[in-house]
Amino acid sequence: NYAPVTEEKEAIDHIRKSYAAVLTMADVWLGKMLDKMDELDVWKDTVVILTTDHGHLLGEHGYWAKNYMFDYQELAHIPLIMCTPETANGGKRIQALTTTIDIMPTIMELHGAELPPHVQGKSLLHLLDKDEQHHDAVLYG
């Protein structure tokens, strides 16, 4: 349940191990997809973007799941991995502050499409060549 932790230690351990098993399964299938991309030699014309919408508490801070507006790293600091055919910073960690609303403008720029005027996100493509500032601050909720 999305609630404060009330379970016994054994139940918490079981839930965490089950979650780890799901992540292991996802990792295996992601690996199979990446292997197939190697096999088909599609890296020269394919962009891969991996991210998520939020983290998930597994009993940390006394809570389960995600429905808490605390600034816990486990919830707010989410992964963003991008691989493009021409990336100067390939394999490097970038320190820029980004947000999920930047993904759509990035995909639009990759396809040469014009952004609608109301879009607040910004393309991430400049970060693929240079580790520089992207946003001064972001809101999440």
C-alpha atoms as a PDB file:
ATOM      1  CA  ASN A   1       0.000   0.000   0.000  1.00  0.00           C
ATOM      2  CA  TYR A   2       1.015   3.611  -0.535  1.00  0.00           C
ATOM      3  CA  ALA A   3       1.217   4.259   3.178  1.00  0.00           C
ATOM      4  CA  PRO A   4       3.540   4.561   6.151  1.00  0.00           C
ATOM      5  CA  VAL A   5       5.510   1.389   6.883  1.00  0.00           C
ATOM      6  CA  THR A   6       3.801  -0.800   9.466  1.00  0.00           C
ATOM      7  CA  GLU A   7       5.078  -4.199   8.304  1.00  0.00           C
ATOM      8  CA  GLU A   8       7.494  -6.397  10.237  1.00  0.00           C
ATOM      9  CA  LYS A   9      11.165  -6.544   9.190  1.00  0.00           C
ATOM     10  CA  GLU A  10      10.698  -9.933   7.475  1.00  0.00           C
ATOM     11  CA  ALA A  11       7.890  -8.552   5.296  1.00  0.00           C
ATOM     12  CA  ILE A  12       9.945  -5.479   4.423  1.00  0.00           C
ATOM     13  CA  ASP A  13      12.888  -7.674   3.433  1.00  0.00           C
ATOM     14  CA  HIS A  14      10.602  -9.851   1.282  1.00  0.00           C
ATOM     15  CA  ILE A  15       9.095  -6.821  -0.492  1.00  0.00           C
ATOM     16  CA  ARG A  16      12.546  -5.374  -1.185  1.00  0.00           C
ATOM     17  CA  LYS A  17      13.809  -8.699  -2.536  1.00  0.00           C
ATOM     18  CA  SER A  18      10.731  -9.022  -4.762  1.00  0.00           C
ATOM     19  CA  TYR A  19      11.323  -5.503  -6.104  1.00  0.00           C
ATOM     20  CA  ALA A  20      14.982  -6.363  -6.751  1.00  0.00           C
ATOM     21  CA  ALA A  21      13.846  -9.461  -8.677  1.00  0.00           C
ATOM     22  CA  VAL A  22      11.589  -7.345 -10.903  1.00  0.00           C
ATOM     23  CA  LEU A  23      14.484  -4.951 -11.577  1.00  0.00           C
ATOM     24  CA  THR A  24      16.743  -7.893 -12.423  1.00  0.00           C
ATOM     25  CA  MET A  25      14.162  -9.206 -14.890  1.00  0.00           C
ATOM     26  CA  ALA A  26      13.821  -5.747 -16.482  1.00  0.00           C
ATOM     27  CA  ASP A  27      17.619  -5.504 -16.716  1.00  0.00           C
ATOM     28  CA  VAL A  28      17.820  -8.870 -18.478  1.00  0.00           C
ATOM     29  CA  TRP A  29      15.187  -7.877 -21.045  1.00  0.00           C
ATOM     30  CA  LEU A  30      16.760  -4.471 -21.603  1.00  0.00           C
ATOM     31  CA  GLY A  31      20.037  -6.272 -22.229  1.00  0.00           C
ATOM     32  CA  LYS A  32      18.329  -8.515 -24.790  1.00  0.00           C
ATOM     33  CA  MET A  33      16.942  -5.450 -26.564  1.00  0.00           C
ATOM     34  CA  LEU A  34      20.360  -3.762 -26.627  1.00  0.00           C
ATOM     35  CA  ASP A  35      21.956  -6.987 -27.894  1.00  0.00           C
ATOM     36  CA  LYS A  36      19.362  -7.113 -30.693  1.00  0.00           C
ATOM     37  CA  MET A  37      20.192  -3.497 -31.557  1.00  0.00           C
ATOM     38  CA  ASP A  38      23.851  -4.565 -31.846  1.00  0.00           C
ATOM     39  CA  GLU A  39      22.886  -7.546 -33.977  1.00  0.00           C
ATOM     40  CA  LEU A  40      20.785  -5.404 -36.325  1.00  0.00           C
ATOM     41  CA  ASP A  41      23.367  -2.583 -36.361  1.00  0.00           C
ATOM     42  CA  VAL A  42      20.760   0.105 -35.695  1.00  0.00           C
ATOM     43  CA  TRP A  43      22.920   2.327 -33.471  1.00  0.00           C
ATOM     44  CA  LYS A  44      23.927   4.552 -36.399  1.00  0.00           C
ATOM     45  CA  ASP A  45      20.345   5.832 -36.868  1.00  0.00           C
ATOM     46  CA  THR A  46      18.638   5.206 -33.517  1.00  0.00           C
ATOM     47  CA  VAL A  47      18.298   7.279 -30.368  1.00  0.00           C
ATOM     48  CA  VAL A  48      17.650   5.489 -27.084  1.00  0.00           C
ATOM     49  CA  ILE A  49      16.236   7.402 -24.112  1.00  0.00           C
ATOM     50  CA  LEU A  50      15.763   5.606 -20.790  1.00  0.00           C
ATOM     51  CA  THR A  51      14.098   7.309 -17.844  1.00  0.00           C
ATOM     52  CA  THR A  52      11.194   7.023 -15.435  1.00  0.00           C
ATOM     53  CA  ASP A  53       8.594   9.352 -13.987  1.00  0.00           C
ATOM     54  CA  HIS A  54       9.511   9.008 -10.306  1.00  0.00           C
ATOM     55  CA  GLY A  55      11.334   6.920  -7.769  1.00  0.00           C
ATOM     56  CA  HIS A  56       9.730   4.434  -5.412  1.00  0.00           C
ATOM     57  CA  LEU A  57      10.228   4.190  -1.662  1.00  0.00           C
ATOM     58  CA  LEU A  58      10.724   0.696  -0.285  1.00  0.00           C
ATOM     59  CA  GLY A  59      10.389   1.569   3.356  1.00  0.00           C
ATOM     60  CA  GLU A  60      13.006   4.311   3.309  1.00  0.00           C
ATOM     61  CA  HIS A  61      11.995   7.285   5.455  1.00  0.00           C
ATOM     62  CA  GLY A  62       9.188   5.164   6.915  1.00  0.00           C
ATOM     63  CA  TYR A  63       7.044   5.111   3.749  1.00  0.00           C
ATOM     64  CA  TRP A  64       6.051   2.875   0.854  1.00  0.00           C
ATOM     65  CA  ALA A  65       5.776   3.924  -2.790  1.00  0.00           C
ATOM     66  CA  LYS A  66       5.611   7.453  -4.170  1.00  0.00           C
ATOM     67  CA  ASN A  67       2.693   9.537  -2.904  1.00  0.00           C
ATOM     68  CA  TYR A  68       4.712  11.831  -0.675  1.00  0.00           C
ATOM     69  CA  MET A  69       5.763  15.365  -1.506  1.00  0.00           C
ATOM     70  CA  PHE A  70       9.059  15.185   0.320  1.00  0.00           C
ATOM     71  CA  ASP A  71      12.285  15.963  -1.450  1.00  0.00           C
ATOM     72  CA  TYR A  72      13.706  12.493  -0.997  1.00  0.00           C
ATOM     73  CA  GLN A  73      16.426  11.577  -3.483  1.00  0.00           C
ATOM     74  CA  GLU A  74      14.779   8.184  -3.973  1.00  0.00           C
ATOM     75  CA  LEU A  75      11.711   9.926  -5.419  1.00  0.00           C
ATOM     76  CA  ALA A  76      13.033  13.004  -7.185  1.00  0.00           C
ATOM     77  CA  HIS A  77      16.501  12.083  -8.511  1.00  0.00           C
ATOM     78  CA  ILE A  78      15.539   9.830 -11.386  1.00  0.00           C
ATOM     79  CA  PRO A  79      17.741   8.337 -14.092  1.00  0.00           C
ATOM     80  CA  LEU A  80      17.971   9.766 -17.584  1.00  0.00           C
ATOM     81  CA  ILE A  81      20.159   7.888 -20.033  1.00  0.00           C
ATOM     82  CA  MET A  82      20.427   8.998 -23.651  1.00  0.00           C
ATOM     83  CA  CYS A  83      22.388   7.433 -26.464  1.00  0.00           C
ATOM     84  CA  THR A  84      22.528   9.014 -29.903  1.00  0.00           C
ATOM     85  CA  PRO A  85      24.591   8.143 -32.972  1.00  0.00           C
ATOM     86  CA  GLU A  86      26.739  11.271 -32.536  1.00  0.00           C
ATOM     87  CA  THR A  87      27.376  12.030 -28.888  1.00  0.00           C
ATOM     88  CA  ALA A  88      30.577  13.756 -27.774  1.00  0.00           C
ATOM     89  CA  ASN A  89      29.844  13.042 -24.092  1.00  0.00           C
ATOM     90  CA  GLY A  90      29.069   9.359 -24.687  1.00  0.00           C
ATOM     91  CA  GLY A  91      29.276   7.368 -21.481  1.00  0.00           C
ATOM     92  CA  LYS A  92      29.799  10.431 -19.292  1.00  0.00           C
ATOM     93  CA  ARG A  93      27.641  11.632 -16.435  1.00  0.00           C
ATOM     94  CA  ILE A  94      26.248  15.127 -16.949  1.00  0.00           C
ATOM     95  CA  GLN A  95      25.500  17.290 -13.917  1.00  0.00           C
ATOM     96  CA  ALA A  96      22.861  19.506 -15.572  1.00  0.00           C
ATOM     97  CA  LEU A  97      19.472  19.839 -13.903  1.00  0.00           C
ATOM     98  CA  THR A  98      16.893  18.336 -16.243  1.00  0.00           C
ATOM     99  CA  THR A  99      13.265  17.291 -15.980  1.00  0.00           C
ATOM    100  CA  THR A 100      10.917  14.926 -17.792  1.00  0.00           C
ATOM    101  CA  ILE A 101       9.229  17.829 -19.599  1.00  0.00           C
ATOM    102  CA  ASP A 102      12.481  18.164 -21.567  1.00  0.00           C
ATOM    103  CA  ILE A 103      12.051  14.808 -23.302  1.00  0.00           C
ATOM    104  CA  MET A 104       9.347  15.861 -25.770  1.00  0.00           C
ATOM    105  CA  PRO A 105      11.280  18.952 -26.957  1.00  0.00           C
ATOM    106  CA  THR A 106      14.352  16.738 -27.357  1.00  0.00           C
ATOM    107  CA  ILE A 107      12.484  14.270 -29.564  1.00  0.00           C
ATOM    108  CA  MET A 108      10.924  17.135 -31.510  1.00  0.00           C
ATOM    109  CA  GLU A 109      14.367  18.648 -32.180  1.00  0.00           C
ATOM    110  CA  LEU A 110      15.739  15.263 -33.250  1.00  0.00           C
ATOM    111  CA  HIS A 111      13.004  15.170 -35.896  1.00  0.00           C
ATOM    112  CA  GLY A 112      13.392  18.797 -36.932  1.00  0.00           C
ATOM    113  CA  ALA A 113       9.907  19.669 -35.694  1.00  0.00           C
ATOM    114  CA  GLU A 114       8.875  23.064 -34.368  1.00  0.00           C
ATOM    115  CA  LEU A 115       7.790  23.306 -30.739  1.00  0.00           C
ATOM    116  CA  PRO A 116       4.369  24.706 -29.926  1.00  0.00           C
ATOM    117  CA  PRO A 117       4.726  28.076 -28.131  1.00  0.00           C
ATOM    118  CA  HIS A 118       3.248  26.810 -24.841  1.00  0.00           C
ATOM    119  CA  VAL A 119       5.916  24.125 -24.302  1.00  0.00           C
ATOM    120  CA  GLN A 120       8.010  24.832 -21.206  1.00  0.00           C
ATOM    121  CA  GLY A 121      10.552  22.031 -21.555  1.00  0.00           C
ATOM    122  CA  LYS A 122      13.827  22.507 -23.440  1.00  0.00           C
ATOM    123  CA  SER A 123      15.686  20.127 -25.699  1.00  0.00           C
ATOM    124  CA  LEU A 124      18.487  18.202 -24.027  1.00  0.00           C
ATOM    125  CA  LEU A 125      20.550  17.770 -27.182  1.00  0.00           C
ATOM    126  CA  HIS A 126      23.065  20.496 -26.280  1.00  0.00           C
ATOM    127  CA  LEU A 127      24.019  18.393 -23.229  1.00  0.00           C
ATOM    128  CA  LEU A 128      25.139  15.557 -25.462  1.00  0.00           C
ATOM    129  CA  ASP A 129      28.070  17.673 -26.629  1.00  0.00           C
ATOM    130  CA  LYS A 130      28.832  19.760 -23.563  1.00  0.00           C
ATOM    131  CA  ASP A 131      28.180  19.449 -19.820  1.00  0.00           C
ATOM    132  CA  GLU A 132      26.604  22.830 -19.207  1.00  0.00           C
ATOM    133  CA  GLN A 133      23.691  24.360 -17.343  1.00  0.00           C
ATOM    134  CA  HIS A 134      20.206  23.483 -18.557  1.00  0.00           C
ATOM    135  CA  HIS A 135      17.678  24.714 -15.947  1.00  0.00           C
ATOM    136  CA  ASP A 136      18.270  26.983 -12.934  1.00  0.00           C
ATOM    137  CA  ALA A 137      15.467  25.229 -11.033  1.00  0.00           C
ATOM    138  CA  VAL A 138      12.597  22.816 -11.687  1.00  0.00           C
ATOM    139  CA  LEU A 139       9.314  22.028 -10.004  1.00  0.00           C
ATOM    140  CA  TYR A 140       7.990  18.535  -9.509  1.00  0.00           C
ATOM    141  CA  GLY A 141       4.845  17.194  -8.048  1.00  0.00           C
END
